């Protein structure tokens, strides 16, 4: 796995964690921010052929 792929997957994992935390805390604004970030990261992964595991987030 190259550095780009590893970094992208790590960012996705961190964003999913931040999203879960925001949901648990009831922070609706932060939930929206994290969802947007996650969408962007997943789109970037798809554009570069990086397979992202399916998450329940």
N, C-alpha and C. Protein backbone atom coordinates (compact mmCIF):
# COMPACT_ATOMS: atom_id res chain seq x y z
N UNK A 1 0.85 -1.16 0.00
CA UNK A 1 0.00 0.00 0.00
C UNK A 1 0.90 1.24 0.00
N UNK A 2 0.60 2.17 -0.88
CA UNK A 2 1.43 3.37 -0.96
C UNK A 2 1.01 4.38 0.11
N UNK A 3 1.81 5.43 0.27
CA UNK A 3 1.57 6.42 1.32
C UNK A 3 0.25 7.16 1.10
N UNK A 4 -0.09 7.46 -0.15
CA UNK A 4 -1.33 8.16 -0.44
C UNK A 4 -2.52 7.33 0.04
N UNK A 5 -2.56 6.07 -0.32
CA UNK A 5 -3.65 5.18 0.07
C UNK A 5 -3.73 5.04 1.58
N UNK A 6 -2.60 4.81 2.20
CA UNK A 6 -2.58 4.65 3.65
C UNK A 6 -3.07 5.92 4.35
N UNK A 7 -2.61 7.07 3.89
CA UNK A 7 -3.03 8.33 4.48
C UNK A 7 -4.51 8.59 4.29
N UNK A 8 -5.01 8.30 3.11
CA UNK A 8 -6.42 8.51 2.82
C UNK A 8 -7.29 7.60 3.69
N UNK A 9 -6.92 6.35 3.79
CA UNK A 9 -7.69 5.42 4.63
C UNK A 9 -7.64 5.82 6.10
N UNK A 10 -6.51 6.34 6.55
CA UNK A 10 -6.39 6.81 7.93
C UNK A 10 -7.28 8.03 8.16
N UNK A 11 -7.32 8.94 7.21
CA UNK A 11 -8.18 10.12 7.33
C UNK A 11 -9.66 9.72 7.36
N UNK A 12 -10.02 8.73 6.55
CA UNK A 12 -11.41 8.26 6.56
C UNK A 12 -11.75 7.65 7.92
N UNK A 13 -10.86 6.84 8.44
CA UNK A 13 -11.09 6.22 9.75
C UNK A 13 -11.22 7.28 10.84
N UNK A 14 -10.37 8.27 10.83
CA UNK A 14 -10.42 9.34 11.84
C UNK A 14 -11.71 10.15 11.71
N UNK A 15 -12.12 10.42 10.48
CA UNK A 15 -13.35 11.18 10.26
C UNK A 15 -14.56 10.39 10.71
N UNK A 16 -14.58 9.09 10.46
CA UNK A 16 -15.68 8.24 10.94
C UNK A 16 -15.74 8.27 12.46
N UNK A 17 -14.59 8.24 13.11
CA UNK A 17 -14.53 8.30 14.57
C UNK A 17 -15.06 9.65 15.07
N UNK A 18 -14.63 10.73 14.42
CA UNK A 18 -15.10 12.06 14.80
C UNK A 18 -16.61 12.19 14.59
N UNK A 19 -17.11 11.59 13.53
CA UNK A 19 -18.55 11.61 13.25
C UNK A 19 -19.32 10.89 14.35
N UNK A 20 -18.84 9.74 14.74
CA UNK A 20 -19.49 8.98 15.81
C UNK A 20 -19.51 9.79 17.11
N UNK A 21 -18.38 10.42 17.41
CA UNK A 21 -18.30 11.24 18.62
C UNK A 21 -19.29 12.40 18.55
N UNK A 22 -19.36 13.07 17.41
CA UNK A 22 -20.29 14.20 17.24
C UNK A 22 -21.73 13.74 17.42
N UNK A 23 -22.06 12.59 16.86
CA UNK A 23 -23.42 12.05 17.02
C UNK A 23 -23.71 11.73 18.48
N UNK A 24 -22.75 11.10 19.15
CA UNK A 24 -22.92 10.74 20.56
C UNK A 24 -23.12 11.97 21.44
N UNK A 25 -22.46 13.08 21.07
CA UNK A 25 -22.55 14.32 21.84
C UNK A 25 -23.76 15.16 21.43
N UNK A 26 -24.45 14.75 20.38
CA UNK A 26 -25.62 15.50 19.94
C UNK A 26 -25.29 16.81 19.24
N UNK A 27 -24.08 16.91 18.69
CA UNK A 27 -23.64 18.13 18.01
C UNK A 27 -24.02 18.05 16.53
N UNK A 28 -25.22 18.53 16.21
CA UNK A 28 -25.75 18.42 14.85
C UNK A 28 -24.90 19.15 13.82
N UNK A 29 -24.36 20.31 14.19
CA UNK A 29 -23.52 21.05 13.25
C UNK A 29 -22.27 20.24 12.91
N UNK A 30 -21.60 19.73 13.94
CA UNK A 30 -20.38 18.96 13.70
C UNK A 30 -20.67 17.68 12.93
N UNK A 31 -21.84 17.08 13.16
CA UNK A 31 -22.23 15.90 12.38
C UNK A 31 -22.26 16.25 10.91
N UNK A 32 -22.87 17.37 10.57
CA UNK A 32 -22.94 17.80 9.16
C UNK A 32 -21.56 18.06 8.58
N UNK A 33 -20.69 18.69 9.36
CA UNK A 33 -19.32 18.96 8.91
C UNK A 33 -18.60 17.64 8.63
N UNK A 34 -18.68 16.72 9.55
CA UNK A 34 -17.99 15.43 9.41
C UNK A 34 -18.56 14.62 8.25
N UNK A 35 -19.88 14.66 8.06
CA UNK A 35 -20.48 13.95 6.93
C UNK A 35 -19.96 14.52 5.61
N UNK A 36 -19.85 15.83 5.52
CA UNK A 36 -19.31 16.45 4.32
C UNK A 36 -17.88 16.03 4.07
N UNK A 37 -17.08 16.03 5.12
CA UNK A 37 -15.68 15.61 5.00
C UNK A 37 -15.59 14.15 4.56
N UNK A 38 -16.42 13.31 5.15
CA UNK A 38 -16.42 11.90 4.81
C UNK A 38 -16.83 11.68 3.35
N UNK A 39 -17.82 12.40 2.90
CA UNK A 39 -18.23 12.32 1.49
C UNK A 39 -17.07 12.71 0.57
N UNK A 40 -16.38 13.79 0.91
CA UNK A 40 -15.25 14.25 0.09
C UNK A 40 -14.13 13.20 0.06
N UNK A 41 -13.83 12.64 1.21
CA UNK A 41 -12.77 11.64 1.28
C UNK A 41 -13.13 10.38 0.50
N UNK A 42 -14.38 9.95 0.62
CA UNK A 42 -14.81 8.75 -0.12
C UNK A 42 -14.82 9.02 -1.62
N UNK A 43 -15.19 10.21 -2.03
CA UNK A 43 -15.15 10.58 -3.45
C UNK A 43 -13.71 10.56 -3.96
N UNK A 44 -12.80 11.12 -3.17
CA UNK A 44 -11.39 11.13 -3.54
C UNK A 44 -10.86 9.70 -3.66
N UNK A 45 -11.25 8.85 -2.74
CA UNK A 45 -10.83 7.45 -2.79
C UNK A 45 -11.33 6.79 -4.06
N UNK A 46 -12.60 7.01 -4.40
CA UNK A 46 -13.18 6.41 -5.61
C UNK A 46 -12.47 6.90 -6.86
N UNK A 47 -12.14 8.18 -6.90
CA UNK A 47 -11.46 8.75 -8.07
C UNK A 47 -10.08 8.14 -8.27
N UNK A 48 -9.48 7.65 -7.19
CA UNK A 48 -8.12 7.09 -7.27
C UNK A 48 -8.10 5.57 -7.15
N UNK A 49 -9.28 4.96 -7.22
CA UNK A 49 -9.35 3.51 -7.19
C UNK A 49 -9.02 2.89 -5.85
N UNK A 50 -9.18 3.66 -4.78
CA UNK A 50 -8.91 3.14 -3.44
C UNK A 50 -10.21 2.57 -2.89
N UNK A 51 -10.18 1.29 -2.57
CA UNK A 51 -11.37 0.63 -2.03
C UNK A 51 -11.49 0.92 -0.55
N UNK A 52 -12.66 1.41 -0.18
CA UNK A 52 -12.92 1.75 1.22
C UNK A 52 -13.91 0.75 1.76
N UNK A 53 -13.60 0.18 2.91
CA UNK A 53 -14.52 -0.77 3.53
C UNK A 53 -15.83 -0.10 3.86
N UNK A 54 -16.90 -0.86 3.84
CA UNK A 54 -18.22 -0.33 4.16
C UNK A 54 -18.31 -0.16 5.67
N UNK A 55 -18.75 1.02 6.05
CA UNK A 55 -18.88 1.33 7.47
C UNK A 55 -20.34 1.58 7.79
N UNK A 56 -20.70 1.38 9.01
CA UNK A 56 -22.05 1.65 9.45
C UNK A 56 -22.29 3.12 9.76
N UNK A 57 -21.32 3.95 9.45
CA UNK A 57 -21.42 5.38 9.75
C UNK A 57 -22.19 6.07 8.66
